[in-house]
Amino acid sequence: MTLQLIVTISIDLGICLLGLSIAASITGQYRAASWTSYLYLFACTVFYAVRAYLKEFFPFTDKIESFVILSVLLVVCALFYRKKISNKEFITLQALALAAASVVFMFTDVIRFPPMFLHTLWYPLHIPVSFTAYAFWLVAGVNAVFAIPAWYRNDPELQERSVLMTDANRIGFVFFTLAMLFGGIWGYFAWGAYFLWDPKLHWAVILWLYYGNLLHIDRLPKLRRWKVPLYVAGIIMILVAFIGTSFFSQSIHRF
């Protein structure tokens, strides 16, 4: 069995396990859902370990690896908040993770050695923390989607959901701040500048300012009642920043 085949089998098996986890969650088999999620994470660990060995480098350098790591982090966040979110929210986060991982079927997977401008300490620091921020912000966004009925009725349940949104946003904001710091230093070594006029970087700044302001929205009475819709809108903004700028712009960032 070749190492490339191990890569293929591990991610295909992982996607099947994630599908089983979703099925288990839907049918109320919560323990089975959790265990199959952990097995998915193990399969992805094998996927990345072999790719790292073949590349002799940090294995987050192409579209497939980027989407799969987002999937992994969504599952990690779903498990992390398992006792604080509803089963429907857990299933939604798993479904988003499954959609991200399924991108492996859309592209030809060719393991290439990364270009030299990626060979700095700052690149491996930049990528994981930025994707971790996306994952926590998506948790907040999914929570906001399911909070819409309570928001519409002004139900007391909204307060508990509001706290979780802020908590997830706060963690995501810290990670994204670190991502921008590490990315700026990496950019200096790669292109000679800490900041470039690039669509991906523009949207990174927009996201940072957007979620930074949302951290203070509870202190603004006139805007506080729009907290839920604004967090829902954040999902769209993340998709634009992550997918839109990579596939539908002239950004030098291709993932």
Protein backbone atom coordinates (compact mmCIF):
# COMPACT_ATOMS: atom_id res chain seq x y z
CA MET A 1 0.00 0.00 0.00
CA THR A 2 1.48 3.35 -1.08
CA LEU A 3 1.45 6.39 1.16
CA GLN A 4 -0.73 8.26 -1.34
CA LEU A 5 -3.30 5.47 -1.03
CA ILE A 6 -3.21 5.80 2.76
CA VAL A 7 -3.96 9.51 2.36
CA THR A 8 -6.96 8.74 0.15
CA ILE A 9 -8.31 5.95 2.34
CA SER A 10 -7.93 7.94 5.56
CA ILE A 11 -9.91 10.95 4.35
CA ASP A 12 -12.57 8.82 2.59
CA LEU A 13 -12.99 6.75 5.75
CA GLY A 14 -13.07 9.92 7.81
CA ILE A 15 -15.87 11.41 5.70
CA CYS A 16 -17.87 8.19 6.09
CA LEU A 17 -17.35 8.33 9.86
CA LEU A 18 -18.51 11.94 9.96
CA GLY A 19 -21.61 10.96 7.99
CA LEU A 20 -22.27 8.18 10.52
CA SER A 21 -21.83 10.69 13.34
CA ILE A 22 -24.47 12.94 11.80
CA ALA A 23 -26.82 9.96 11.40
CA ALA A 24 -26.23 8.96 15.02
CA SER A 25 -26.97 12.50 16.18
CA ILE A 26 -30.20 12.63 14.19
CA THR A 27 -31.38 9.33 15.69
CA GLY A 28 -30.48 10.36 19.22
CA GLN A 29 -27.46 8.07 19.61
CA TYR A 30 -25.38 10.79 21.25
CA ARG A 31 -22.55 8.61 22.56
CA ALA A 32 -22.13 6.95 19.16
CA ALA A 33 -22.16 10.41 17.54
CA SER A 34 -19.35 11.56 19.80
CA TRP A 35 -17.23 8.45 19.30
CA THR A 36 -17.55 8.53 15.52
CA SER A 37 -16.59 12.22 15.62
CA TYR A 38 -13.43 11.31 17.56
CA LEU A 39 -12.67 8.58 15.04
CA TYR A 40 -13.09 11.15 12.27
CA LEU A 41 -10.50 13.33 13.98
CA PHE A 42 -8.15 10.34 14.21
CA ALA A 43 -8.59 9.58 10.49
CA CYS A 44 -7.79 13.21 9.67
CA THR A 45 -4.71 13.03 11.89
CA VAL A 46 -3.46 10.14 9.76
CA PHE A 47 -4.37 12.11 6.63
CA TYR A 48 -2.26 15.09 7.71
CA ALA A 49 0.60 13.08 9.19
CA VAL A 50 1.21 11.20 5.94
CA ARG A 51 0.88 14.36 3.86
CA ALA A 52 3.39 16.11 6.13
CA TYR A 53 5.79 13.20 5.66
CA LEU A 54 5.41 13.26 1.87
CA LYS A 55 5.77 17.05 1.65
CA GLU A 56 8.44 17.25 4.31
CA PHE A 57 6.60 20.37 5.45
CA PHE A 58 3.57 21.66 7.30
CA PRO A 59 0.57 20.07 5.52
CA PHE A 60 -1.71 23.12 5.12
CA THR A 61 -0.57 24.46 1.77
CA ASP A 62 -3.38 23.73 -0.72
CA LYS A 63 -7.16 23.95 -1.07
CA ILE A 64 -7.88 20.37 -0.01
CA GLU A 65 -5.80 20.64 3.15
CA SER A 66 -7.35 24.02 3.96
CA PHE A 67 -10.94 22.83 3.69
CA VAL A 68 -10.24 19.64 5.63
CA ILE A 69 -8.59 21.52 8.51
CA LEU A 70 -11.62 23.81 8.70
CA SER A 71 -13.76 20.67 8.86
CA VAL A 72 -11.58 19.25 11.64
CA LEU A 73 -11.76 22.46 13.67
CA LEU A 74 -15.55 22.65 13.28
CA VAL A 75 -15.85 19.13 14.69
CA VAL A 76 -13.48 20.02 17.55
CA CYS A 77 -15.58 23.10 18.36
CA ALA A 78 -18.82 21.10 18.14
CA LEU A 79 -17.42 18.59 20.67
CA PHE A 80 -16.05 21.41 22.83
CA TYR A 81 -19.49 23.04 23.09
CA ARG A 82 -21.41 19.75 23.07
CA LYS A 83 -23.04 20.33 26.47
CA LYS A 84 -23.84 23.99 25.78
CA ILE A 85 -25.53 23.71 22.39
CA SER A 86 -28.63 21.86 21.21
CA ASN A 87 -28.47 18.65 19.22
CA LYS A 88 -29.69 20.54 16.15
CA GLU A 89 -26.79 22.96 16.44
CA PHE A 90 -24.37 20.06 16.88
CA ILE A 91 -25.76 18.42 13.73
CA THR A 92 -25.51 21.71 11.81
CA LEU A 93 -21.84 22.14 12.76
CA GLN A 94 -21.18 18.53 11.74
CA ALA A 95 -22.97 19.11 8.44
CA LEU A 96 -20.81 22.18 7.78
CA ALA A 97 -17.74 20.08 8.62
CA LEU A 98 -18.91 17.36 6.22
CA ALA A 99 -19.46 19.91 3.45
CA ALA A 100 -15.94 21.33 3.97
CA ALA A 101 -14.32 17.88 3.98
CA SER A 102 -16.23 16.81 0.87
CA VAL A 103 -14.26 19.37 -1.13
CA VAL A 104 -11.67 16.58 -1.54
CA PHE A 105 -13.98 15.16 -4.22
CA MET A 106 -13.99 18.42 -6.19
CA PHE A 107 -10.26 18.82 -6.80
CA THR A 108 -7.52 16.55 -8.07
CA ASP A 109 -5.35 15.77 -5.08
CA VAL A 110 -1.71 16.17 -6.09
CA ILE A 111 0.76 16.40 -3.25
CA ARG A 112 3.31 19.06 -4.20
CA PHE A 113 6.32 20.47 -2.42
CA PRO A 114 5.42 23.98 -1.17
CA PRO A 115 7.12 27.05 -2.69
CA MET A 116 10.01 28.59 -0.80
CA PHE A 117 8.09 31.67 0.41
CA LEU A 118 6.06 29.35 2.67
CA HIS A 119 9.19 28.04 4.36
CA THR A 120 9.12 30.25 7.43
CA LEU A 121 8.06 29.65 11.02
CA TRP A 122 5.31 32.26 10.65
CA TYR A 123 3.32 30.45 7.98
CA PRO A 124 2.62 27.34 10.13
CA LEU A 125 1.67 29.70 12.97
CA HIS A 126 -0.61 31.82 10.78
CA ILE A 127 -2.82 29.18 9.14
CA PRO A 128 -4.09 27.08 12.10
CA VAL A 129 -4.99 30.07 14.27
CA SER A 130 -6.90 31.82 11.47
CA PHE A 131 -8.95 28.70 10.73
CA THR A 132 -9.57 28.20 14.45
CA ALA A 133 -11.05 31.71 14.54
CA TYR A 134 -13.35 30.84 11.62
CA ALA A 135 -14.53 27.72 13.46
CA PHE A 136 -15.38 29.55 16.69
CA TRP A 137 -17.10 32.35 14.79
CA LEU A 138 -19.17 29.79 12.89
CA VAL A 139 -20.21 28.28 16.23
CA ALA A 140 -21.44 31.73 17.24
CA GLY A 141 -23.20 32.13 13.90
CA VAL A 142 -24.95 28.76 14.07
CA ASN A 143 -26.02 29.52 17.63
CA ALA A 144 -27.46 32.82 16.38
CA VAL A 145 -29.40 31.07 13.61
CA PHE A 146 -31.13 28.84 16.15
CA ALA A 147 -31.66 31.84 18.43
CA ILE A 148 -33.82 33.63 15.84
CA PRO A 149 -37.17 32.31 17.23
CA ALA A 150 -36.20 33.35 20.79
CA TRP A 151 -35.00 36.72 19.48
CA TYR A 152 -38.28 37.27 17.61
CA ARG A 153 -40.33 36.41 20.74
CA ASN A 154 -37.89 38.17 23.10
CA ASP A 155 -37.71 34.87 25.01
CA PRO A 156 -35.57 34.63 28.18
CA GLU A 157 -33.69 31.76 26.47
CA LEU A 158 -32.04 34.42 24.33
CA GLN A 159 -29.85 35.56 27.22
CA GLU A 160 -28.16 32.16 27.52
CA ARG A 161 -27.57 32.00 23.78
CA SER A 162 -26.27 35.56 23.80
CA VAL A 163 -23.62 34.63 26.36
CA LEU A 164 -22.46 31.69 24.22
CA MET A 165 -22.23 33.91 21.11
CA THR A 166 -20.03 36.37 22.95
CA ASP A 167 -17.91 33.58 24.47
CA ALA A 168 -17.27 31.94 21.07
CA ASN A 169 -16.62 35.32 19.46
CA ARG A 170 -14.13 36.29 22.17
CA ILE A 171 -12.09 33.12 21.61
CA GLY A 172 -12.28 33.51 17.84
CA PHE A 173 -11.24 37.15 18.05
CA VAL A 174 -8.12 36.29 20.07
CA PHE A 175 -7.13 33.63 17.54
CA PHE A 176 -7.78 35.93 14.58
CA THR A 177 -5.76 38.73 16.12
CA LEU A 178 -2.83 36.31 16.46
CA ALA A 179 -3.44 35.16 12.87
CA MET A 180 -3.18 38.72 11.57
CA LEU A 181 -0.02 39.30 13.59
CA PHE A 182 1.65 36.10 12.38
CA GLY A 183 0.39 36.66 8.83
CA GLY A 184 1.86 40.16 8.74
CA ILE A 185 5.27 38.91 9.80
CA TRP A 186 5.08 36.05 7.27
CA GLY A 187 4.06 38.54 4.58
CA TYR A 188 7.12 40.63 5.34
CA PHE A 189 9.43 37.66 4.81
CA ALA A 190 7.50 36.40 1.75
CA TRP A 191 6.71 39.63 -0.10
CA GLY A 192 8.60 42.34 1.74
CA ALA A 193 5.52 44.01 3.24
CA TYR A 194 3.38 43.53 6.35
CA PHE A 195 0.22 44.44 4.44
CA LEU A 196 -0.76 44.36 0.76
CA TRP A 197 -3.80 45.68 -1.11
CA ASP A 198 -5.21 42.20 -1.60
CA PRO A 199 -8.88 41.05 -1.36
CA LYS A 200 -8.10 38.36 1.22
CA LEU A 201 -6.29 40.85 3.44
CA HIS A 202 -9.05 43.44 3.03
CA TRP A 203 -11.64 40.93 4.19
CA ALA A 204 -9.41 39.83 7.06
CA VAL A 205 -9.40 43.41 8.34
CA ILE A 206 -13.17 43.71 7.78
CA LEU A 207 -13.79 40.49 9.75
CA TRP A 208 -11.49 41.58 12.56
CA LEU A 209 -13.25 44.94 12.91
CA TYR A 210 -16.70 43.37 12.54
CA TYR A 211 -16.29 40.76 15.25
CA GLY A 212 -14.32 43.14 17.43
CA ASN A 213 -17.28 45.53 17.42
CA LEU A 214 -19.69 42.68 18.13
CA LEU A 215 -17.81 42.02 21.37
CA HIS A 216 -19.04 45.43 22.59
CA ILE A 217 -22.60 45.27 21.26
CA ASP A 218 -24.09 44.31 24.64
CA ARG A 219 -22.98 47.70 25.96
CA LEU A 220 -24.83 49.55 23.19
CA PRO A 221 -28.58 49.54 23.98
CA LYS A 222 -29.66 50.75 20.53
CA LEU A 223 -27.70 48.02 18.74
CA ARG A 224 -27.99 45.20 21.27
CA ARG A 225 -31.35 44.04 19.91
CA TRP A 226 -29.67 43.42 16.54
CA LYS A 227 -27.05 41.09 18.00
CA VAL A 228 -28.60 37.88 16.66
CA PRO A 229 -29.05 39.10 13.03
CA LEU A 230 -25.51 40.52 13.05
CA TYR A 231 -24.03 37.19 14.14
CA VAL A 232 -26.07 35.42 11.46
CA ALA A 233 -24.72 37.88 8.89
CA GLY A 234 -21.24 37.00 10.13
CA ILE A 235 -21.61 33.53 8.60
CA ILE A 236 -21.95 35.09 5.15
CA MET A 237 -18.97 37.35 5.76
CA ILE A 238 -16.81 34.37 6.75
CA LEU A 239 -17.83 32.52 3.59
CA VAL A 240 -16.91 35.56 1.49
CA ALA A 241 -13.55 35.93 3.25
CA PHE A 242 -12.69 32.23 3.10
CA ILE A 243 -14.24 31.06 -0.18
CA GLY A 244 -15.16 34.18 -2.16
CA THR A 245 -11.75 35.82 -2.08
CA SER A 246 -9.99 32.55 -2.89
CA PHE A 247 -12.08 31.52 -5.89
CA PHE A 248 -13.68 34.69 -7.21
CA SER A 249 -11.01 37.36 -6.90
CA GLN A 250 -7.47 38.09 -8.03
CA SER A 251 -6.07 37.51 -4.54
CA ILE A 252 -2.56 36.17 -4.22
CA HIS A 253 -4.03 33.89 -1.55
CA ARG A 254 -5.38 30.85 -3.37
CA PHE A 255 -7.05 29.20 -0.37
